[in-house]
Amino acid sequence: MQHPRDILLGAQARTGVLPVCDHYSGAPARMAKSLALQADLMQEMGACVFDVTLDCEDGAPAGGEIEQAHAVCELLTRYSAPADGPAASVVPRVGARVHAIDHPHFESDIAIIVGGAADALSYLMVPKVESVDDVHRALTAIDAAAGHALLPLHVLIESPAAVQQAFAIAAHPRVQSISFGLMDFVSAHGGAIPASAMGLRAPGDAHGLDQLHHPLVVRAKLEIASACHAYGKVPSHCVVTELRDAAALERAARYAATALGYTRMWSIHPDQIRPILRGFAPLASEVDLAARIVHAASCAEWAPIAVDGKLHDRASYRYFWQVLERAHQTGQTVPAELQHYFV
């Protein structure tokens, strides 16, 4: 029996699904704690609900770049060992962010991390990508160090010029995800965008130009999301710097998912992971409806059907299947009749 993912999504089944949360960690002790937390939540939720990205760009102190790359390589090697017990069937996902391609330590990052632990990497994040030429340059170095491994590339778009190239970058077959770099994007405008656009406006403030409402910032986010969806890639929403305001973060995550078209979001503190999962999770009523429609469709061998007096065919089946995938990605329990698809 074919899997609904293959029947309904086709090629996108291979490129369009990643955990909804991407957690960044740079200090050695915090990187280890992040990997341990990932294992704990895999055990709790039965799925890898967030990626861990070990950070060389912002995680390394000035002058300590080589040591940071070696620390990342050592952690990748240590935590890539197979798990025991119930979590053994759930595969952990760990990536690394290296320095930008024009940084003096880009090549040493690649040599140490990719050269030493390519098989343990789920992806590599390259920041400050401006064009497809930058993608090619990065992959030339990455592939030379990786040997047989073809690592998926995640890229960070951080400037107005890079936003203009979002569709061309998303079209590259090795690019799996594009993230938006909010802080650099705002600062690249020379003061033309206010500092408020790097944060979230307070509840009850209907006029503040924050990162969810400033026109230039929203335009850039929409351009990236649209480019990713055009080519079956994953758009990843930027950071929220209000570290301890879980309610604000959850609201921002839900807005990014429902209004801006993002299917993934950055976390920069462990306390942000669960609010992001909640923000991206479908409502229980949506999951129940999706399960009824997909189950009935599978029983009808994916021919058109009527549910609650409404016609459904493969176009709507695709949507409701993706609701179920997002439920699983966010640690929700999928109704029993469909759980075998998520084993």
Protein backbone atom coordinates (compact mmCIF):
# COMPACT_ATOMS: atom_id res chain seq x y z
CA MET A 1 0.00 0.00 0.00
CA GLN A 2 1.34 3.40 -0.96
CA HIS A 3 1.81 6.00 1.74
CA PRO A 4 -0.49 9.07 1.58
CA ARG A 5 2.60 11.28 1.59
CA ASP A 6 3.75 9.76 -1.69
CA ILE A 7 0.28 9.69 -3.28
CA LEU A 8 -0.65 13.25 -2.36
CA LEU A 9 2.61 15.18 -2.21
CA GLY A 10 4.84 13.54 -4.81
CA ALA A 11 8.26 15.18 -5.02
CA GLN A 12 7.37 17.59 -2.22
CA ALA A 13 7.21 14.61 0.14
CA ARG A 14 11.00 14.55 -0.02
CA THR A 15 11.59 18.28 0.44
CA GLY A 16 8.67 19.96 2.15
CA VAL A 17 8.57 18.55 5.70
CA LEU A 18 10.93 19.48 8.53
CA PRO A 19 10.39 19.88 12.29
CA VAL A 20 8.55 23.14 12.92
CA CYS A 21 11.14 24.39 15.41
CA ASP A 22 14.83 25.01 14.73
CA HIS A 23 16.68 25.57 18.01
CA TYR A 24 20.00 27.44 17.90
CA SER A 25 22.65 26.92 20.55
CA GLY A 26 26.27 28.04 20.68
CA ALA A 27 27.93 27.80 24.10
CA PRO A 28 29.39 24.29 24.58
CA ALA A 29 27.37 23.51 27.73
CA ARG A 30 24.16 24.81 26.13
CA MET A 31 24.76 22.81 22.96
CA ALA A 32 25.03 19.62 25.02
CA LYS A 33 21.89 20.52 27.00
CA SER A 34 20.00 21.20 23.76
CA LEU A 35 20.88 17.77 22.42
CA ALA A 36 19.82 16.16 25.70
CA LEU A 37 16.53 18.10 25.61
CA GLN A 38 15.91 16.93 22.06
CA ALA A 39 16.30 13.32 23.21
CA ASP A 40 13.92 13.92 26.12
CA LEU A 41 11.20 15.39 23.90
CA MET A 42 11.65 12.62 21.34
CA GLN A 43 10.95 10.17 24.15
CA GLU A 44 7.95 12.19 25.36
CA MET A 45 6.32 12.95 22.02
CA GLY A 46 7.37 10.05 19.81
CA ALA A 47 8.76 12.36 17.14
CA CYS A 48 11.73 14.66 16.61
CA VAL A 49 9.78 17.87 17.21
CA PHE A 50 12.71 20.28 16.92
CA ASP A 51 16.04 20.43 15.18
CA VAL A 52 19.19 21.44 17.03
CA THR A 53 21.50 23.75 15.09
CA LEU A 54 24.95 23.96 16.68
CA ASP A 55 26.13 27.50 16.05
CA CYS A 56 29.59 28.55 14.95
CA GLU A 57 28.67 32.00 13.65
CA ASP A 58 27.21 33.61 16.78
CA GLY A 59 28.30 30.88 19.18
CA ALA A 60 32.06 31.34 18.80
CA PRO A 61 33.88 34.04 20.78
CA ALA A 62 36.24 36.22 18.76
CA GLY A 63 39.48 34.33 18.42
CA GLY A 64 37.87 31.03 19.42
CA GLU A 65 36.44 30.04 16.04
CA ILE A 66 38.66 26.99 15.55
CA GLU A 67 37.94 25.69 19.05
CA GLN A 68 34.19 26.19 18.49
CA ALA A 69 34.25 24.20 15.26
CA HIS A 70 36.06 21.34 17.00
CA ALA A 71 33.52 21.43 19.84
CA VAL A 72 30.65 21.19 17.34
CA CYS A 73 32.35 18.28 15.55
CA GLU A 74 32.89 16.44 18.83
CA LEU A 75 29.24 16.87 19.87
CA LEU A 76 28.02 15.71 16.47
CA THR A 77 30.14 12.58 16.72
CA ARG A 78 29.12 11.85 20.31
CA TYR A 79 25.37 12.32 19.84
CA SER A 80 25.10 10.51 16.52
CA ALA A 81 25.29 7.11 18.25
CA PRO A 82 22.05 5.07 17.91
CA ALA A 83 19.54 5.52 20.74
CA ASP A 84 18.25 2.75 22.97
CA GLY A 85 14.69 2.03 24.06
CA PRO A 86 11.45 3.51 22.63
CA ALA A 87 13.23 6.55 21.19
CA ALA A 88 15.42 4.31 19.01
CA SER A 89 12.89 4.44 16.16
CA VAL A 90 12.90 8.28 16.17
CA VAL A 91 15.88 9.77 14.39
CA PRO A 92 17.46 12.86 16.01
CA ARG A 93 18.17 15.77 13.70
CA VAL A 94 21.23 17.95 14.25
CA GLY A 95 22.71 20.58 11.97
CA ALA A 96 25.38 23.25 12.22
CA ARG A 97 25.60 26.90 11.27
CA VAL A 98 28.99 27.84 9.87
CA HIS A 99 30.37 31.29 9.16
CA ALA A 100 29.41 33.13 5.98
CA ILE A 101 31.30 32.21 2.82
CA ASP A 102 33.34 35.43 2.82
CA HIS A 103 34.37 35.03 6.49
CA PRO A 104 37.99 34.01 7.18
CA HIS A 105 36.81 30.94 9.12
CA PHE A 106 34.29 29.58 6.62
CA GLU A 107 36.77 27.15 5.10
CA SER A 108 38.07 25.96 8.48
CA ASP A 109 34.47 25.44 9.69
CA ILE A 110 33.78 23.27 6.67
CA ALA A 111 37.03 21.32 6.96
CA ILE A 112 36.54 20.59 10.66
CA ILE A 113 32.79 20.04 10.90
CA VAL A 114 31.85 18.62 7.52
CA GLY A 115 35.17 16.87 7.07
CA GLY A 116 34.94 15.33 10.54
CA ALA A 117 31.24 14.61 10.99
CA ALA A 118 29.38 14.78 7.67
CA ASP A 119 27.43 11.58 8.35
CA ALA A 120 26.11 13.00 11.64
CA LEU A 121 24.79 16.21 10.06
CA SER A 122 21.14 16.48 9.00
CA TYR A 123 21.87 19.77 7.19
CA LEU A 124 24.27 22.68 7.13
CA MET A 125 23.14 26.29 7.62
CA VAL A 126 25.03 28.98 5.69
CA PRO A 127 24.28 32.60 6.73
CA LYS A 128 24.34 35.81 4.71
CA VAL A 129 23.62 34.18 1.36
CA GLU A 130 23.08 36.88 -1.25
CA SER A 131 22.64 34.92 -4.48
CA VAL A 132 22.70 31.55 -6.21
CA ASP A 133 26.40 32.12 -6.82
CA ASP A 134 26.88 32.08 -3.06
CA VAL A 135 25.00 28.77 -2.90
CA HIS A 136 27.31 27.30 -5.55
CA ARG A 137 30.41 28.56 -3.76
CA ALA A 138 29.26 27.10 -0.46
CA LEU A 139 28.39 23.73 -1.98
CA THR A 140 31.74 23.49 -3.75
CA ALA A 141 33.52 23.61 -0.40
CA ILE A 142 30.92 21.50 1.42
CA ASP A 143 30.89 18.70 -1.14
CA ALA A 144 34.67 18.56 -1.30
CA ALA A 145 34.79 18.02 2.47
CA ALA A 146 31.75 15.73 2.75
CA GLY A 147 32.87 13.00 0.38
CA HIS A 148 29.91 10.77 -0.45
CA ALA A 149 27.38 12.66 1.71
CA LEU A 150 25.13 15.18 -0.09
CA LEU A 151 24.16 17.49 2.73
CA PRO A 152 20.93 19.50 2.45
CA LEU A 153 21.66 23.21 2.57
CA HIS A 154 19.75 25.68 4.73
CA VAL A 155 20.43 29.32 3.95
CA LEU A 156 19.85 32.57 5.80
CA ILE A 157 18.69 35.62 3.82
CA GLU A 158 19.56 38.81 5.67
CA SER A 159 19.61 41.78 3.26
CA PRO A 160 17.27 43.61 0.87
CA ALA A 161 19.34 42.46 -2.12
CA ALA A 162 19.15 38.84 -0.98
CA VAL A 163 15.37 39.05 -0.61
CA GLN A 164 15.23 40.06 -4.27
CA GLN A 165 17.00 36.75 -5.10
CA ALA A 166 14.77 34.56 -2.91
CA PHE A 167 13.04 32.74 -5.79
CA ALA A 168 16.31 31.93 -7.55
CA ILE A 169 17.85 30.68 -4.30
CA ALA A 170 14.79 28.57 -3.46
CA ALA A 171 14.92 27.00 -6.92
CA HIS A 172 18.33 25.46 -6.27
CA PRO A 173 17.83 21.69 -5.79
CA ARG A 174 20.16 21.44 -2.80
CA VAL A 175 18.50 24.24 -0.84
CA GLN A 176 16.06 22.64 1.59
CA SER A 177 15.06 25.65 3.71
CA ILE A 178 15.39 29.44 3.74
CA SER A 179 15.43 31.44 6.96
CA PHE A 180 14.89 35.17 7.34
CA GLY A 181 17.54 37.14 9.24
CA LEU A 182 15.51 39.87 10.92
CA MET A 183 18.19 41.81 12.79
CA ASP A 184 20.61 42.16 9.88
CA PHE A 185 17.75 42.96 7.52
CA VAL A 186 16.58 45.85 9.71
CA SER A 187 20.09 47.20 10.29
CA ALA A 188 20.82 47.01 6.54
CA HIS A 189 18.32 49.83 6.01
CA GLY A 190 20.51 52.48 7.63
CA GLY A 191 17.93 53.58 10.19
CA ALA A 192 15.02 53.72 7.74
CA ILE A 193 13.31 50.91 9.67
CA PRO A 194 12.82 51.66 13.39
CA ALA A 195 14.21 49.46 16.16
CA SER A 196 10.65 48.48 17.06
CA ALA A 197 10.65 46.25 13.96
CA MET A 198 13.13 43.93 15.69
CA GLY A 199 10.63 43.12 18.45
CA LEU A 200 6.97 42.45 19.15
CA ARG A 201 4.48 45.15 20.02
CA ALA A 202 2.66 44.95 23.33
CA PRO A 203 -0.84 43.44 23.59
CA GLY A 204 -3.42 46.14 22.91
CA ASP A 205 -1.03 48.17 20.74
CA ALA A 206 -2.78 48.33 17.37
CA HIS A 207 -0.32 50.70 15.70
CA GLY A 208 3.25 49.75 16.70
CA LEU A 209 5.50 48.85 13.76
CA ASP A 210 6.94 45.61 15.10
CA GLN A 211 8.39 42.68 13.14
CA LEU A 212 4.92 41.36 12.31
CA HIS A 213 3.54 44.68 11.06
CA HIS A 214 6.28 46.87 9.57
CA PRO A 215 5.55 46.87 5.80
CA LEU A 216 9.14 46.36 4.63
CA VAL A 217 9.78 43.54 7.08
CA VAL A 218 6.48 41.83 6.30
CA ARG A 219 7.12 42.19 2.56
CA ALA A 220 10.49 40.45 2.94
CA LYS A 221 8.99 37.64 5.00
CA LEU A 222 6.21 37.10 2.46
CA GLU A 223 8.68 37.09 -0.43
CA ILE A 224 10.75 34.35 1.24
CA ALA A 225 7.69 32.28 2.16
CA SER A 226 6.29 32.58 -1.36
CA ALA A 227 9.61 31.60 -2.93
CA CYS A 228 9.89 28.53 -0.71
CA HIS A 229 6.35 27.35 -1.45
CA ALA A 230 6.93 27.85 -5.17
CA TYR A 231 9.70 25.24 -5.08
CA GLY A 232 8.61 22.90 -2.28
CA LYS A 233 11.12 24.26 0.23
CA VAL A 234 10.65 25.11 3.92
CA PRO A 235 10.37 28.78 4.95
CA SER A 236 11.75 29.31 8.47
CA HIS A 237 10.61 32.35 10.46
CA CYS A 238 13.09 34.51 12.32
CA VAL A 239 13.83 34.85 16.03
CA VAL A 240 11.66 36.48 18.65
CA THR A 241 13.98 38.24 21.11
CA GLU A 242 11.42 38.42 23.93
CA LEU A 243 12.95 35.33 25.54
CA ARG A 244 10.70 34.91 28.57
CA ASP A 245 7.33 36.02 27.18
CA ALA A 246 5.88 32.64 26.22
CA ALA A 247 2.43 34.03 25.41
CA ALA A 248 3.85 36.65 23.01
CA LEU A 249 6.05 34.06 21.35
CA GLU A 250 3.15 31.64 20.87
CA ARG A 251 1.06 34.43 19.32
CA ALA A 252 3.93 35.33 16.99
CA ALA A 253 4.42 31.69 16.02
CA ARG A 254 0.74 31.23 15.25
CA TYR A 255 0.72 34.45 13.19
CA ALA A 256 3.81 33.34 11.27
CA ALA A 257 2.14 30.00 10.53
CA THR A 258 -1.34 31.21 9.66
CA ALA A 259 -0.82 34.70 8.18
CA LEU A 260 2.70 34.67 6.76
CA GLY A 261 2.93 31.13 5.39
CA TYR A 262 5.85 29.87 7.49
CA THR A 263 6.15 26.19 8.41
CA ARG A 264 9.16 26.48 10.71
CA MET A 265 10.56 28.97 13.24
CA TRP A 266 13.80 29.67 15.09
CA SER A 267 14.22 29.19 18.82
CA ILE A 268 17.13 30.82 20.65
CA HIS A 269 16.28 29.67 24.19
CA PRO A 270 14.99 26.31 25.46
CA ASP A 271 11.93 28.04 26.93
CA GLN A 272 10.89 29.04 23.40
CA ILE A 273 10.58 25.51 22.02
CA ARG A 274 7.20 24.48 23.48
CA PRO A 275 5.48 27.83 22.70
CA ILE A 276 6.63 27.48 19.08
CA LEU A 277 5.26 23.94 18.95
CA ARG A 278 1.93 25.16 20.32
CA GLY A 279 1.85 28.10 17.90
CA PHE A 280 2.40 25.88 14.87
CA ALA A 281 0.13 23.06 16.05
CA PRO A 282 -3.27 22.69 14.36
CA LEU A 283 -6.32 22.92 16.58
CA ALA A 284 -7.77 19.65 17.88
CA SER A 285 -10.92 20.23 15.81
CA GLU A 286 -8.78 20.62 12.66
CA VAL A 287 -6.95 17.37 13.41
CA ASP A 288 -10.21 15.47 13.95
CA LEU A 289 -11.70 16.77 10.69
CA ALA A 290 -8.49 16.03 8.79
CA ALA A 291 -8.41 12.48 10.15
CA ARG A 292 -12.00 11.80 9.11
CA ILE A 293 -11.42 13.11 5.60
CA VAL A 294 -8.09 11.33 5.03
CA HIS A 295 -9.38 8.05 6.44
CA ALA A 296 -12.50 8.17 4.25
CA ALA A 297 -10.36 9.10 1.24
CA SER A 298 -8.01 6.17 1.78
CA CYS A 299 -10.99 3.81 2.05
CA ALA A 300 -12.23 5.21 -1.28
CA GLU A 301 -8.75 4.72 -2.80
CA TRP A 302 -8.42 8.50 -3.09
CA ALA A 303 -11.43 8.96 -5.37
CA PRO A 304 -13.67 12.04 -4.72
CA ILE A 305 -15.95 11.74 -1.67
CA ALA A 306 -18.41 13.82 0.33
CA VAL A 307 -17.85 14.52 4.04
CA ASP A 308 -20.43 16.52 6.00
CA GLY A 309 -22.09 17.40 2.70
CA LYS A 310 -18.92 18.88 1.16
CA LEU A 311 -17.03 17.52 -1.83
CA HIS A 312 -13.40 16.54 -1.34
CA ASP A 313 -10.81 15.32 -3.85
CA ARG A 314 -7.06 15.06 -4.02
CA ALA A 315 -6.55 18.81 -3.73
CA SER A 316 -8.27 18.94 -0.35
CA TYR A 317 -6.84 15.55 0.67
CA ARG A 318 -3.39 17.07 0.24
CA TYR A 319 -4.26 19.94 2.56
CA PHE A 320 -5.77 17.76 5.25
CA TRP A 321 -2.90 15.27 5.09
CA GLN A 322 -0.54 18.16 5.76
CA VAL A 323 -2.63 19.10 8.80
CA LEU A 324 -2.00 15.59 10.15
CA GLU A 325 1.70 15.82 9.42
CA ARG A 326 1.90 19.12 11.27
CA ALA A 327 0.04 17.59 14.20
CA HIS A 328 2.61 14.79 14.36
CA GLN A 329 5.49 17.25 13.98
CA THR A 330 4.24 19.23 16.98
CA GLY A 331 3.84 16.22 19.26
CA GLN A 332 0.08 15.82 19.01
CA THR A 333 -1.55 12.41 18.97
CA VAL A 334 -2.86 11.45 15.54
CA PRO A 335 -6.22 9.58 15.67
CA ALA A 336 -5.81 5.82 16.04
CA GLU A 337 -7.03 4.83 12.58
CA LEU A 338 -4.14 6.76 10.97
CA GLN A 339 -1.33 6.24 13.46
CA HIS A 340 0.22 3.46 11.36
CA TYR A 341 1.23 6.10 8.81
CA PHE A 342 3.43 7.81 11.42
CA VAL A 343 5.32 4.83 12.84
